[in-house]
Protein backbone atom coordinates (compact mmCIF):
# COMPACT_ATOMS: atom_id res chain seq x y z
CA MET A 1 5.94 -62.41 -0.26
CA LYS A 2 3.41 -63.35 1.61
CA ASN A 3 3.34 -67.39 1.20
CA ILE A 4 7.12 -69.13 1.51
CA VAL A 5 7.28 -73.28 1.20
CA ILE A 6 9.91 -74.55 3.43
CA ILE A 7 11.50 -78.02 2.77
CA ALA A 8 14.20 -79.51 4.54
CA HIS A 9 15.52 -83.08 4.06
CA ASP A 10 16.19 -84.88 7.62
CA PRO A 11 19.82 -83.92 7.54
CA LYS A 12 18.73 -80.47 6.92
CA LYS A 13 15.94 -79.57 9.17
CA ALA A 14 17.96 -78.41 11.84
CA GLU A 15 19.25 -76.05 9.36
CA MET A 16 15.84 -74.76 8.34
CA VAL A 17 14.77 -74.30 11.76
CA LYS A 18 18.46 -72.44 12.51
CA PHE A 19 17.77 -70.24 9.48
CA LEU A 20 14.12 -69.23 10.29
CA GLN A 21 14.94 -68.31 13.94
CA ASP A 22 17.74 -66.11 12.75
CA HIS A 23 15.84 -64.09 10.22
CA ARG A 24 12.30 -64.15 12.25
CA GLU A 25 12.52 -60.56 11.59
CA TRP A 26 12.91 -61.05 7.56
CA ILE A 27 9.63 -62.92 7.31
CA LEU A 28 6.91 -61.52 9.48
CA GLY A 29 3.73 -60.99 7.52
CA THR A 30 4.67 -64.27 5.55
CA LYS A 31 2.40 -67.45 6.09
CA LEU A 32 5.15 -70.49 5.81
CA ILE A 33 4.11 -73.74 4.35
CA ALA A 34 5.59 -77.11 4.55
CA THR A 35 5.42 -80.81 3.83
CA GLY A 36 4.46 -82.78 7.03
CA ARG A 37 7.76 -83.73 8.58
CA THR A 38 9.70 -80.35 8.34
CA ALA A 39 6.30 -78.74 9.53
CA GLU A 40 6.37 -80.63 12.51
CA TYR A 41 9.74 -80.64 13.05
CA VAL A 42 9.39 -76.51 12.88
CA GLU A 43 6.35 -76.11 14.51
CA GLU A 44 8.29 -78.42 17.61
CA ASN A 45 11.00 -75.46 17.52
CA GLY A 46 7.82 -72.83 18.07
CA ILE A 47 7.51 -71.71 14.63
CA ASP A 48 4.09 -71.21 13.13
CA VAL A 49 3.45 -73.50 9.68
CA LYS A 50 0.48 -74.80 7.70
CA HIS A 51 0.86 -78.41 7.10
CA LEU A 52 0.93 -80.18 4.02
CA SER A 53 1.68 -84.26 3.67
CA PRO A 54 4.84 -85.58 3.78
CA GLY A 55 6.55 -85.23 0.60
CA LYS A 56 6.69 -88.90 0.10
CA SER A 57 3.12 -88.95 0.51
CA GLY A 58 2.00 -86.57 -1.74
CA GLY A 59 3.42 -82.91 -0.18
CA TYR A 60 5.40 -82.59 -3.18
CA ILE A 61 2.98 -82.63 -5.92
CA GLN A 62 0.34 -80.60 -3.37
CA ILE A 63 3.29 -77.77 -3.64
CA THR A 64 3.88 -78.45 -6.98
CA ASP A 65 0.08 -77.49 -7.52
CA MET A 66 0.14 -74.79 -5.64
CA ILE A 67 2.90 -73.31 -7.63
CA LYS A 68 0.83 -73.86 -10.79
CA ASN A 69 -2.31 -71.50 -8.82
CA GLY A 70 -0.18 -69.13 -7.83
CA GLU A 71 -0.24 -70.09 -4.28
CA VAL A 72 3.50 -69.45 -3.46
CA ASN A 73 5.97 -66.97 -3.23
CA ILE A 74 9.40 -68.30 -2.60
CA VAL A 75 10.29 -71.96 -1.94
CA PHE A 76 13.16 -72.97 0.26
CA PHE A 77 14.53 -76.56 -0.15
CA PHE A 78 17.30 -77.63 1.81
CA ARG A 79 18.20 -80.57 -0.11
CA GLU A 80 20.15 -83.53 0.61
CA HIS A 81 21.50 -83.55 -3.14
CA LYS A 82 23.60 -86.87 -2.16
CA GLU A 83 20.49 -88.70 -1.36
CA ASN A 84 18.34 -90.51 -3.77
CA GLN A 85 14.60 -90.83 -2.82
CA ALA A 86 12.23 -92.70 -4.24
CA HIS A 87 10.18 -90.39 -4.92
CA HIS A 88 12.84 -88.53 -6.94
CA GLU A 89 10.50 -87.75 -9.92
CA ASP A 90 8.10 -85.56 -7.54
CA ILE A 91 11.28 -83.29 -6.26
CA LYS A 92 12.38 -83.12 -9.92
CA HIS A 93 9.14 -82.00 -11.44
CA LEU A 94 8.29 -79.46 -8.18
CA LEU A 95 11.93 -77.83 -9.24
CA GLU A 96 10.61 -77.72 -12.98
CA THR A 97 7.30 -76.03 -11.78
CA CYS A 98 9.75 -73.49 -9.78
CA ASN A 99 11.66 -72.91 -13.04
CA GLU A 100 8.36 -72.92 -15.18
CA ASN A 101 6.29 -70.51 -13.02
CA ASN A 102 9.22 -68.11 -12.46
CA ILE A 103 9.28 -69.10 -8.27
CA PRO A 104 12.57 -68.00 -6.78
CA LEU A 105 13.99 -71.75 -5.25
CA ALA A 106 16.72 -71.76 -2.49
CA THR A 107 18.71 -74.71 -1.67
CA ASN A 108 21.03 -73.49 1.03
CA VAL A 109 21.11 -70.38 3.52
CA SER A 110 23.09 -68.19 1.48
CA SER A 111 20.76 -68.25 -1.49
CA ALA A 112 17.67 -68.43 1.17
CA GLU A 113 19.39 -64.85 2.14
CA LEU A 114 19.47 -63.53 -0.87
CA LEU A 115 15.94 -64.42 -1.96
CA ILE A 116 14.15 -62.63 1.02
CA LEU A 117 16.28 -59.15 1.04
CA GLY A 118 15.40 -59.29 -2.92
CA ALA A 119 11.96 -59.21 -1.97
CA ILE A 120 11.71 -57.25 0.43
CA THR A 121 14.23 -54.83 -1.43
CA LYS A 122 11.43 -55.22 -4.70
CA GLU A 123 7.97 -54.49 -1.83
CA ALA A 124 10.07 -51.22 -0.99
CA VAL A 125 10.64 -50.33 -4.30
CA GLU A 126 7.23 -51.28 -5.21
CA ARG A 127 5.92 -49.03 -2.19
CA LYS A 128 7.48 -45.77 -3.40
CA ARG A 129 6.35 -46.19 -6.66
CA GLN A 130 2.73 -46.32 -5.64
CA LYS A 131 3.40 -43.38 -3.65
CA GLY A 132 4.77 -41.73 -6.83
CA ILE A 133 8.48 -40.94 -4.96
């Protein structure tokens, strides 16, 4: 679990920050990557993150390309599902790319918690196997 992409539509940004603050210990050692306004909001709340372009200015496309290049391990995308975005096709393509490349995707706090716990468990099992335990 090296690179986690975080994206949050405006009504979900505070929820994303709370999630990251509440689970800080769970994501130690990971690199957070975010689209423009999400990155700014998260940083304003004391969380380090790598900035990409805003979603509607190409950030979703950047993330999609990173997924295709194997540079992303998990995506947290806290979406306002009722909001119709002008760049909806970019979002749709990002979500499809997660599926095509077998990248875990969480769209809410509960699924994000389960993804992290699953990744932590998987890493622990892999370490034991390497040690022959």
